[in-house]
Amino acid sequence: MSEAFRGEFTQRVDGKARVSIPAAFRRVLEAGDPEGPRKRIVMVYGDTRRKYTECYTMAGAAALEAKIKLLPLGSDRRRILERNMITLSVTVEIDDDGRIVLPPKVREKVGITPDDVTKGAEAVFAGALDTFQIWKSDVYDAEILRAAEEDMASLPEGVDILSLLSDDAGV
């Protein structure tokens, strides 16, 4: 079984918009980028409905691109995915200290303002198995609580959350 992005980590953004990637995530990123001396990640900031930036290993980004290439040229689905997952993305290098600089478009996407950078804002790294998300801390806290309440409300009374793994969950 391959490694996965798991857990949530709150990291301080410094005055130069740098943030440390959690050590557990760096190990997964290293495995997903066997090329070159410095490891890289692809940060996708498209899709205005999302309040976070989705981050991929280089291998994960290549797999996503391969799926998009399978769609017919000129189709709406391919065009939407190309714009939101390919065009509105950036590849960044991880420095020797395990940090990345959050690009301006990524900071804008998650709501970290220049003033927040000056004050030392916090970013949350949230694992999602094959990818991880970067959120502004206070937005993440509010959204994770709202989503958890919504998710639990969608389950019938007395149904264990692990039942979602079965095909007959009925949810």
Protein backbone atom coordinates (compact mmCIF):
# COMPACT_ATOMS: atom_id res chain seq x y z
CA MET A 1 0.00 0.00 0.00
CA SER A 2 1.39 3.42 -0.93
CA GLU A 3 1.79 6.27 1.50
CA ALA A 4 -1.05 8.72 1.92
CA PHE A 5 -1.56 12.28 3.11
CA ARG A 6 -3.19 11.85 6.49
CA GLY A 7 -3.99 14.22 9.35
CA GLU A 8 -4.23 17.95 9.85
CA PHE A 9 -1.39 20.28 10.74
CA THR A 10 -1.42 24.00 11.52
CA GLN A 11 1.68 25.84 10.30
CA ARG A 12 2.69 29.49 10.64
CA VAL A 13 3.21 31.50 7.46
CA ASP A 14 6.29 33.72 7.84
CA GLY A 15 6.76 37.31 6.64
CA LYS A 16 8.11 36.06 3.29
CA ALA A 17 4.98 33.93 2.71
CA ARG A 18 6.93 30.73 3.41
CA VAL A 19 5.36 27.82 5.24
CA SER A 20 6.81 24.50 6.37
CA ILE A 21 5.26 21.39 4.92
CA PRO A 22 4.56 18.86 7.69
CA ALA A 23 7.26 16.16 7.84
CA ALA A 24 4.70 13.37 7.28
CA PHE A 25 3.55 15.09 4.07
CA ARG A 26 7.14 15.65 2.88
CA ARG A 27 7.74 11.89 2.95
CA VAL A 28 4.75 11.30 0.67
CA LEU A 29 5.84 14.14 -1.62
CA GLU A 30 9.35 12.70 -1.88
CA ALA A 31 7.95 9.33 -2.92
CA GLY A 32 5.74 11.04 -5.51
CA ASP A 33 8.56 13.02 -7.16
CA PRO A 34 11.50 10.74 -7.91
CA GLU A 35 13.07 13.22 -10.37
CA GLY A 36 15.49 16.04 -9.63
CA PRO A 37 17.37 17.25 -6.57
CA ARG A 38 14.54 19.38 -5.18
CA LYS A 39 11.07 17.97 -4.67
CA ARG A 40 8.08 19.76 -6.15
CA ILE A 41 4.35 19.93 -5.67
CA VAL A 42 1.51 21.04 -7.91
CA MET A 43 -0.87 23.47 -6.23
CA VAL A 44 -4.31 23.76 -7.86
CA TYR A 45 -6.17 26.93 -6.97
CA GLY A 46 -8.95 26.76 -9.59
CA ASP A 47 -12.65 26.13 -8.86
CA THR A 48 -14.05 29.18 -7.10
CA ARG A 49 -16.41 26.99 -5.05
CA ARG A 50 -13.48 25.62 -3.05
CA LYS A 51 -12.02 27.62 -0.17
CA TYR A 52 -8.70 25.79 -0.28
CA THR A 53 -5.85 24.91 -2.61
CA GLU A 54 -5.52 21.23 -3.56
CA CYS A 55 -1.92 19.95 -3.65
CA TYR A 56 -0.62 16.97 -5.63
CA THR A 57 2.61 15.04 -5.82
CA MET A 58 4.19 15.20 -9.27
CA ALA A 59 3.02 11.62 -9.87
CA GLY A 60 -0.48 12.52 -8.69
CA ALA A 61 -0.60 15.53 -11.00
CA ALA A 62 0.53 13.34 -13.93
CA ALA A 63 -2.25 10.83 -13.15
CA LEU A 64 -4.81 13.65 -13.08
CA GLU A 65 -3.53 14.99 -16.41
CA ALA A 66 -3.77 11.50 -17.94
CA LYS A 67 -7.44 11.24 -16.90
CA ILE A 68 -8.21 14.65 -18.39
CA LYS A 69 -6.47 13.69 -21.66
CA LEU A 70 -8.85 10.75 -22.00
CA LEU A 71 -11.79 13.13 -22.41
CA PRO A 72 -12.74 14.22 -25.95
CA LEU A 73 -10.96 17.35 -27.19
CA GLY A 74 -13.26 20.36 -27.10
CA SER A 75 -15.77 18.75 -24.74
CA ASP A 76 -17.19 20.86 -21.93
CA ARG A 77 -15.92 18.42 -19.30
CA ARG A 78 -12.36 18.54 -20.65
CA ARG A 79 -12.38 22.33 -21.03
CA ILE A 80 -13.65 22.84 -17.45
CA LEU A 81 -11.09 20.42 -16.03
CA GLU A 82 -8.23 21.84 -18.09
CA ARG A 83 -8.97 25.38 -16.93
CA ASN A 84 -9.61 24.62 -13.27
CA MET A 85 -7.10 21.82 -12.67
CA ILE A 86 -4.29 22.60 -15.14
CA THR A 87 -4.32 26.30 -16.09
CA LEU A 88 -5.17 27.55 -12.59
CA SER A 89 -2.29 25.72 -10.94
CA VAL A 90 1.35 26.29 -10.12
CA THR A 91 4.31 23.98 -9.55
CA VAL A 92 6.52 24.98 -6.63
CA GLU A 93 9.79 23.63 -5.25
CA ILE A 94 10.27 22.58 -1.68
CA ASP A 95 13.40 24.18 -0.23
CA ASP A 96 16.08 22.34 1.74
CA ASP A 97 14.30 23.21 5.00
CA GLY A 98 11.01 21.64 3.85
CA ARG A 99 9.30 24.95 3.13
CA ILE A 100 7.43 26.37 0.18
CA VAL A 101 6.62 29.95 -0.70
CA LEU A 102 2.87 30.34 -1.06
CA PRO A 103 2.44 32.00 -4.46
CA PRO A 104 0.23 35.13 -4.61
CA LYS A 105 -2.60 33.30 -6.46
CA VAL A 106 -2.61 30.57 -3.80
CA ARG A 107 -2.63 33.11 -0.97
CA GLU A 108 -5.47 34.96 -2.69
CA LYS A 109 -7.40 31.70 -3.16
CA VAL A 110 -7.26 30.71 0.51
CA GLY A 111 -7.75 34.27 1.79
CA ILE A 112 -4.32 34.97 3.23
CA THR A 113 -3.82 38.70 2.68
CA PRO A 114 -0.50 40.60 2.65
CA ASP A 115 -1.46 41.89 6.10
CA ASP A 116 -1.99 38.29 7.28
CA VAL A 117 1.50 37.39 6.02
CA THR A 118 2.99 40.31 7.96
CA LYS A 119 1.16 39.20 11.11
CA GLY A 120 2.15 35.53 10.75
CA ALA A 121 -1.10 33.92 9.61
CA GLU A 122 -1.68 30.22 10.11
CA ALA A 123 -2.32 27.73 7.33
CA VAL A 124 -3.82 24.29 7.83
CA PHE A 125 -2.53 21.33 5.84
CA ALA A 126 -5.37 18.78 5.66
CA GLY A 127 -4.65 15.29 4.36
CA ALA A 128 -7.01 13.75 1.81
CA LEU A 129 -5.25 10.47 0.95
CA ASP A 130 -3.86 11.16 -2.59
CA THR A 131 -3.79 14.93 -2.13
CA PHE A 132 -3.70 17.49 0.62
CA GLN A 133 -5.39 20.83 1.00
CA ILE A 134 -4.05 24.14 2.26
CA TRP A 135 -6.58 26.36 4.05
CA LYS A 136 -6.45 29.59 6.00
CA SER A 137 -6.74 28.40 9.59
CA ASP A 138 -9.92 30.18 10.70
CA VAL A 139 -11.72 29.30 7.44
CA TYR A 140 -10.73 25.65 7.87
CA ASP A 141 -11.97 25.53 11.46
CA ALA A 142 -15.37 26.91 10.50
CA GLU A 143 -15.69 24.80 7.33
CA ILE A 144 -14.62 21.49 8.90
CA LEU A 145 -17.18 21.94 11.69
CA ARG A 146 -19.95 22.85 9.21
CA ALA A 147 -19.09 19.94 6.91
CA ALA A 148 -18.90 17.44 9.78
CA GLU A 149 -22.33 18.48 11.04
CA GLU A 150 -23.77 18.26 7.52
CA ASP A 151 -22.19 14.85 6.93
CA MET A 152 -23.52 13.42 10.18
CA ALA A 153 -26.99 14.82 9.50
CA SER A 154 -27.03 12.96 6.17
CA LEU A 155 -26.58 9.58 7.88
CA PRO A 156 -29.69 7.78 9.11
CA GLU A 157 -29.99 7.63 12.90
CA GLY A 158 -27.85 4.90 14.42
CA VAL A 159 -25.82 4.22 11.26
CA ASP A 160 -22.10 3.83 11.90
CA ILE A 161 -19.89 6.02 9.72
CA LEU A 162 -17.84 2.97 8.64
CA SER A 163 -20.95 1.62 6.93
CA LEU A 164 -20.21 4.16 4.18
CA LEU A 165 -17.50 1.76 3.01
CA SER A 166 -20.02 -0.93 2.12
CA ASP A 167 -21.92 -1.00 -1.17
CA ASP A 168 -25.25 -1.40 0.62
CA ALA A 169 -24.92 1.66 2.87
CA GLY A 170 -28.00 3.22 1.33
CA VAL A 171 -26.56 6.72 1.71
